[in-house]
Amino acid sequence: MNDVPRLASVVFRLSREKLGALKDLSRSTRIRQSEYLREAISDLLDKYEDRLVD
């Protein structure tokens, strides 16, 4: 069995300035933009964990 979680696609809008900064960061660190976005969402969900409905 494969223990890797399945990923879903998400589409959202981001300001050109934020997108440019994300692209620059990704290029300079060689870490994919998607990895940074998953990390940011995970941090946000951890921050508001007490507000999530089970």
PDB file of N, CA and C in Angstrom:
ATOM      1  N   MET A   1       0.833  -1.197   0.000  1.00  0.00           N
ATOM      2  CA  MET A   1       0.000   0.000   0.000  1.00  0.00           C
ATOM      3  C   MET A   1       0.870   1.250   0.000  1.00  0.00           C
ATOM      4  N   ASN A   2       0.343   2.316  -0.562  1.00  0.00           N
ATOM      5  CA  ASN A   2       1.054   3.579  -0.641  1.00  0.00           C
ATOM      6  C   ASN A   2       0.588   4.486   0.500  1.00  0.00           C
ATOM      7  N   ASP A   3       1.530   4.937   1.355  1.00  0.00           N
ATOM      8  CA  ASP A   3       1.188   5.777   2.497  1.00  0.00           C
ATOM      9  C   ASP A   3       1.206   7.264   2.182  1.00  0.00           C
ATOM     10  N   VAL A   4       1.474   7.628   0.933  1.00  0.00           N
ATOM     11  CA  VAL A   4       1.506   9.029   0.540  1.00  0.00           C
ATOM     12  C   VAL A   4       0.072   9.513   0.364  1.00  0.00           C
ATOM     13  N   PRO A   5      -0.289  10.635   1.056  1.00  0.00           N
ATOM     14  CA  PRO A   5      -1.665  11.130   0.915  1.00  0.00           C
ATOM     15  C   PRO A   5      -1.917  11.651  -0.498  1.00  0.00           C
ATOM     16  N   ARG A   6      -3.137  11.435  -0.968  1.00  0.00           N
ATOM     17  CA  ARG A   6      -3.518  11.942  -2.289  1.00  0.00           C
ATOM     18  C   ARG A   6      -3.719  13.447  -2.189  1.00  0.00           C
ATOM     19  N   LEU A   7      -3.302  14.148  -3.198  1.00  0.00           N
ATOM     20  CA  LEU A   7      -3.418  15.598  -3.211  1.00  0.00           C
ATOM     21  C   LEU A   7      -4.531  16.017  -4.155  1.00  0.00           C
ATOM     22  N   ALA A   8      -5.186  17.112  -3.822  1.00  0.00           N
ATOM     23  CA  ALA A   8      -6.239  17.672  -4.656  1.00  0.00           C
ATOM     24  C   ALA A   8      -5.761  19.004  -5.216  1.00  0.00           C
ATOM     25  N   SER A   9      -6.229  19.347  -6.389  1.00  0.00           N
ATOM     26  CA  SER A   9      -5.884  20.630  -6.996  1.00  0.00           C
ATOM     27  C   SER A   9      -6.782  21.720  -6.438  1.00  0.00           C
ATOM     28  N   VAL A  10      -6.200  22.905  -6.267  1.00  0.00           N
ATOM     29  CA  VAL A  10      -6.928  24.065  -5.776  1.00  0.00           C
ATOM     30  C   VAL A  10      -6.550  25.250  -6.659  1.00  0.00           C
ATOM     31  N   VAL A  11      -7.531  26.053  -7.005  1.00  0.00           N
ATOM     32  CA  VAL A  11      -7.278  27.246  -7.807  1.00  0.00           C
ATOM     33  C   VAL A  11      -7.682  28.458  -6.976  1.00  0.00           C
ATOM     34  N   PHE A  12      -6.798  29.446  -6.907  1.00  0.00           N
ATOM     35  CA  PHE A  12      -7.117  30.676  -6.187  1.00  0.00           C
ATOM     36  C   PHE A  12      -6.345  31.829  -6.811  1.00  0.00           C
ATOM     37  N   ARG A  13      -6.724  33.024  -6.436  1.00  0.00           N
ATOM     38  CA  ARG A  13      -6.091  34.223  -6.987  1.00  0.00           C
ATOM     39  C   ARG A  13      -5.111  34.793  -5.964  1.00  0.00           C
ATOM     40  N   LEU A  14      -4.021  35.354  -6.498  1.00  0.00           N
ATOM     41  CA  LEU A  14      -2.967  35.932  -5.676  1.00  0.00           C
ATOM     42  C   LEU A  14      -2.496  37.201  -6.379  1.00  0.00           C
ATOM     43  N   SER A  15      -2.193  38.242  -5.613  1.00  0.00           N
ATOM     44  CA  SER A  15      -1.726  39.477  -6.258  1.00  0.00           C
ATOM     45  C   SER A  15      -0.437  39.202  -7.028  1.00  0.00           C
ATOM     46  N   ARG A  16      -0.225  39.979  -8.062  1.00  0.00           N
ATOM     47  CA  ARG A  16       0.981  39.796  -8.884  1.00  0.00           C
ATOM     48  C   ARG A  16       2.244  39.984  -8.050  1.00  0.00           C
ATOM     49  N   GLU A  17       2.192  40.908  -7.095  1.00  0.00           N
ATOM     50  CA  GLU A  17       3.354  41.168  -6.245  1.00  0.00           C
ATOM     51  C   GLU A  17       3.682  39.949  -5.385  1.00  0.00           C
ATOM     52  N   LYS A  18       2.652  39.353  -4.784  1.00  0.00           N
ATOM     53  CA  LYS A  18       2.865  38.160  -3.948  1.00  0.00           C
ATOM     54  C   LYS A  18       3.334  36.984  -4.798  1.00  0.00           C
ATOM     55  N   LEU A  19       2.746  36.835  -5.961  1.00  0.00           N
ATOM     56  CA  LEU A  19       3.153  35.752  -6.854  1.00  0.00           C
ATOM     57  C   LEU A  19       4.608  35.930  -7.288  1.00  0.00           C
ATOM     58  N   GLY A  20       4.972  37.146  -7.617  1.00  0.00           N
ATOM     59  CA  GLY A  20       6.356  37.418  -8.003  1.00  0.00           C
ATOM     60  C   GLY A  20       7.325  37.102  -6.880  1.00  0.00           C
ATOM     61  N   ALA A  21       6.965  37.487  -5.655  1.00  0.00           N
ATOM     62  CA  ALA A  21       7.826  37.204  -4.505  1.00  0.00           C
ATOM     63  C   ALA A  21       7.942  35.698  -4.275  1.00  0.00           C
ATOM     64  N   LEU A  22       6.834  34.988  -4.421  1.00  0.00           N
ATOM     65  CA  LEU A  22       6.845  33.532  -4.251  1.00  0.00           C
ATOM     66  C   LEU A  22       7.718  32.872  -5.320  1.00  0.00           C
ATOM     67  N   LYS A  23       7.603  33.331  -6.559  1.00  0.00           N
ATOM     68  CA  LYS A  23       8.420  32.787  -7.641  1.00  0.00           C
ATOM     69  C   LYS A  23       9.902  33.046  -7.392  1.00  0.00           C
ATOM     70  N   ASP A  24      10.232  34.254  -6.948  1.00  0.00           N
ATOM     71  CA  ASP A  24      11.628  34.588  -6.654  1.00  0.00           C
ATOM     72  C   ASP A  24      12.178  33.704  -5.535  1.00  0.00           C
ATOM     73  N   LEU A  25      11.391  33.545  -4.482  1.00  0.00           N
ATOM     74  CA  LEU A  25      11.809  32.690  -3.371  1.00  0.00           C
ATOM     75  C   LEU A  25      12.017  31.260  -3.840  1.00  0.00           C
ATOM     76  N   SER A  26      11.082  30.773  -4.626  1.00  0.00           N
ATOM     77  CA  SER A  26      11.163  29.412  -5.139  1.00  0.00           C
ATOM     78  C   SER A  26      12.415  29.215  -6.000  1.00  0.00           C
ATOM     79  N   ARG A  27      12.691  30.180  -6.858  1.00  0.00           N
ATOM     80  CA  ARG A  27      13.869  30.100  -7.721  1.00  0.00           C
ATOM     81  C   ARG A  27      15.161  30.110  -6.906  1.00  0.00           C
ATOM     82  N   SER A  28      15.227  31.001  -5.909  1.00  0.00           N
ATOM     83  CA  SER A  28      16.472  31.143  -5.145  1.00  0.00           C
ATOM     84  C   SER A  28      16.729  29.966  -4.211  1.00  0.00           C
ATOM     85  N   THR A  29      15.665  29.311  -3.753  1.00  0.00           N
ATOM     86  CA  THR A  29      15.836  28.189  -2.816  1.00  0.00           C
ATOM     87  C   THR A  29      15.701  26.830  -3.485  1.00  0.00           C
ATOM     88  N   ARG A  30      15.190  26.832  -4.732  1.00  0.00           N
ATOM     89  CA  ARG A  30      14.935  25.595  -5.476  1.00  0.00           C
ATOM     90  C   ARG A  30      13.916  24.697  -4.754  1.00  0.00           C
ATOM     91  N   ILE A  31      12.999  25.339  -4.041  1.00  0.00           N
ATOM     92  CA  ILE A  31      11.874  24.647  -3.409  1.00  0.00           C
ATOM     93  C   ILE A  31      10.620  25.051  -4.178  1.00  0.00           C
ATOM     94  N   ARG A  32       9.817  24.089  -4.531  1.00  0.00           N
ATOM     95  CA  ARG A  32       8.632  24.361  -5.355  1.00  0.00           C
ATOM     96  C   ARG A  32       7.653  25.309  -4.660  1.00  0.00           C
ATOM     97  N   GLN A  33       7.005  26.112  -5.481  1.00  0.00           N
ATOM     98  CA  GLN A  33       5.991  27.033  -4.962  1.00  0.00           C
ATOM     99  C   GLN A  33       4.898  26.269  -4.222  1.00  0.00           C
ATOM    100  N   SER A  34       4.516  25.138  -4.760  1.00  0.00           N
ATOM    101  CA  SER A  34       3.453  24.338  -4.140  1.00  0.00           C
ATOM    102  C   SER A  34       3.843  23.880  -2.738  1.00  0.00           C
ATOM    103  N   GLU A  35       5.119  23.597  -2.527  1.00  0.00           N
ATOM    104  CA  GLU A  35       5.576  23.194  -1.193  1.00  0.00           C
ATOM    105  C   GLU A  35       5.414  24.347  -0.208  1.00  0.00           C
ATOM    106  N   TYR A  36       5.789  25.546  -0.634  1.00  0.00           N
ATOM    107  CA  TYR A  36       5.616  26.717   0.228  1.00  0.00           C
ATOM    108  C   TYR A  36       4.148  26.961   0.538  1.00  0.00           C
ATOM    109  N   LEU A  37       3.280  26.809  -0.451  1.00  0.00           N
ATOM    110  CA  LEU A  37       1.852  27.035  -0.235  1.00  0.00           C
ATOM    111  C   LEU A  37       1.257  25.989   0.698  1.00  0.00           C
ATOM    112  N   ARG A  38       1.650  24.717   0.536  1.00  0.00           N
ATOM    113  CA  ARG A  38       1.167  23.683   1.463  1.00  0.00           C
ATOM    114  C   ARG A  38       1.625  23.965   2.893  1.00  0.00           C
ATOM    115  N   GLU A  39       2.880  24.412   3.034  1.00  0.00           N
ATOM    116  CA  GLU A  39       3.396  24.743   4.366  1.00  0.00           C
ATOM    117  C   GLU A  39       2.620  25.908   4.987  1.00  0.00           C
ATOM    118  N   ALA A  40       2.350  26.936   4.189  1.00  0.00           N
ATOM    119  CA  ALA A  40       1.622  28.101   4.685  1.00  0.00           C
ATOM    120  C   ALA A  40       0.204  27.725   5.124  1.00  0.00           C
ATOM    121  N   ILE A  41      -0.468  26.904   4.350  1.00  0.00           N
ATOM    122  CA  ILE A  41      -1.828  26.481   4.692  1.00  0.00           C
ATOM    123  C   ILE A  41      -1.815  25.611   5.944  1.00  0.00           C
ATOM    124  N   SER A  42      -0.842  24.738   6.050  1.00  0.00           N
ATOM    125  CA  SER A  42      -0.719  23.897   7.235  1.00  0.00           C
ATOM    126  C   SER A  42      -0.497  24.755   8.490  1.00  0.00           C
ATOM    127  N   ASP A  43       0.385  25.760   8.384  1.00  0.00           N
ATOM    128  CA  ASP A  43       0.636  26.660   9.516  1.00  0.00           C
ATOM    129  C   ASP A  43      -0.631  27.421   9.901  1.00  0.00           C
ATOM    130  N   LEU A  44      -1.396  27.873   8.904  1.00  0.00           N
ATOM    131  CA  LEU A  44      -2.634  28.605   9.163  1.00  0.00           C
ATOM    132  C   LEU A  44      -3.658  27.716   9.865  1.00  0.00           C
ATOM    133  N   LEU A  45      -3.795  26.476   9.398  1.00  0.00           N
ATOM    134  CA  LEU A  45      -4.749  25.557  10.018  1.00  0.00           C
ATOM    135  C   LEU A  45      -4.324  25.207  11.446  1.00  0.00           C
ATOM    136  N   ASP A  46      -3.033  25.088  11.691  1.00  0.00           N
ATOM    137  CA  ASP A  46      -2.547  24.853  13.054  1.00  0.00           C
ATOM    138  C   ASP A  46      -2.868  26.048  13.952  1.00  0.00           C
ATOM    139  N   LYS A  47      -2.694  27.252  13.419  1.00  0.00           N
ATOM    140  CA  LYS A  47      -2.958  28.470  14.181  1.00  0.00           C
ATOM    141  C   LYS A  47      -4.419  28.555  14.619  1.00  0.00           C
ATOM    142  N   TYR A  48      -5.328  28.157  13.742  1.00  0.00           N
ATOM    143  CA  TYR A  48      -6.761  28.256  14.026  1.00  0.00           C
ATOM    144  C   TYR A  48      -7.386  26.899  14.339  1.00  0.00           C
ATOM    145  N   GLU A  49      -6.596  25.975  14.808  1.00  0.00           N
ATOM    146  CA  GLU A  49      -7.070  24.622  15.078  1.00  0.00           C
ATOM    147  C   GLU A  49      -8.274  24.600  16.019  1.00  0.00           C
ATOM    148  N   ASP A  50      -8.289  25.490  17.008  1.00  0.00           N
ATOM    149  CA  ASP A  50      -9.379  25.523  17.982  1.00  0.00           C
ATOM    150  C   ASP A  50     -10.704  25.951  17.356  1.00  0.00           C
ATOM    151  N   ARG A  51     -10.663  26.565  16.181  1.00  0.00           N
ATOM    152  CA  ARG A  51     -11.886  27.013  15.506  1.00  0.00           C
ATOM    153  C   ARG A  51     -12.424  25.986  14.506  1.00  0.00           C
ATOM    154  N   LEU A  52     -11.663  24.948  14.248  1.00  0.00           N
ATOM    155  CA  LEU A  52     -12.089  23.938  13.276  1.00  0.00           C
ATOM    156  C   LEU A  52     -13.140  23.021  13.899  1.00  0.00           C
ATOM    157  N   VAL A  53     -14.142  22.697  13.115  1.00  0.00           N
ATOM    158  CA  VAL A  53     -15.185  21.788  13.560  1.00  0.00           C
ATOM    159  C   VAL A  53     -14.759  20.364  13.208  1.00  0.00           C
ATOM    160  N   ASP A  54     -14.884  19.475  14.161  1.00  0.00           N
ATOM    161  CA  ASP A  54     -14.498  18.078  13.914  1.00  0.00           C
ATOM    162  C   ASP A  54     -15.472  17.372  13.034  1.00  0.00           C
TER     163      ASP A  54
END
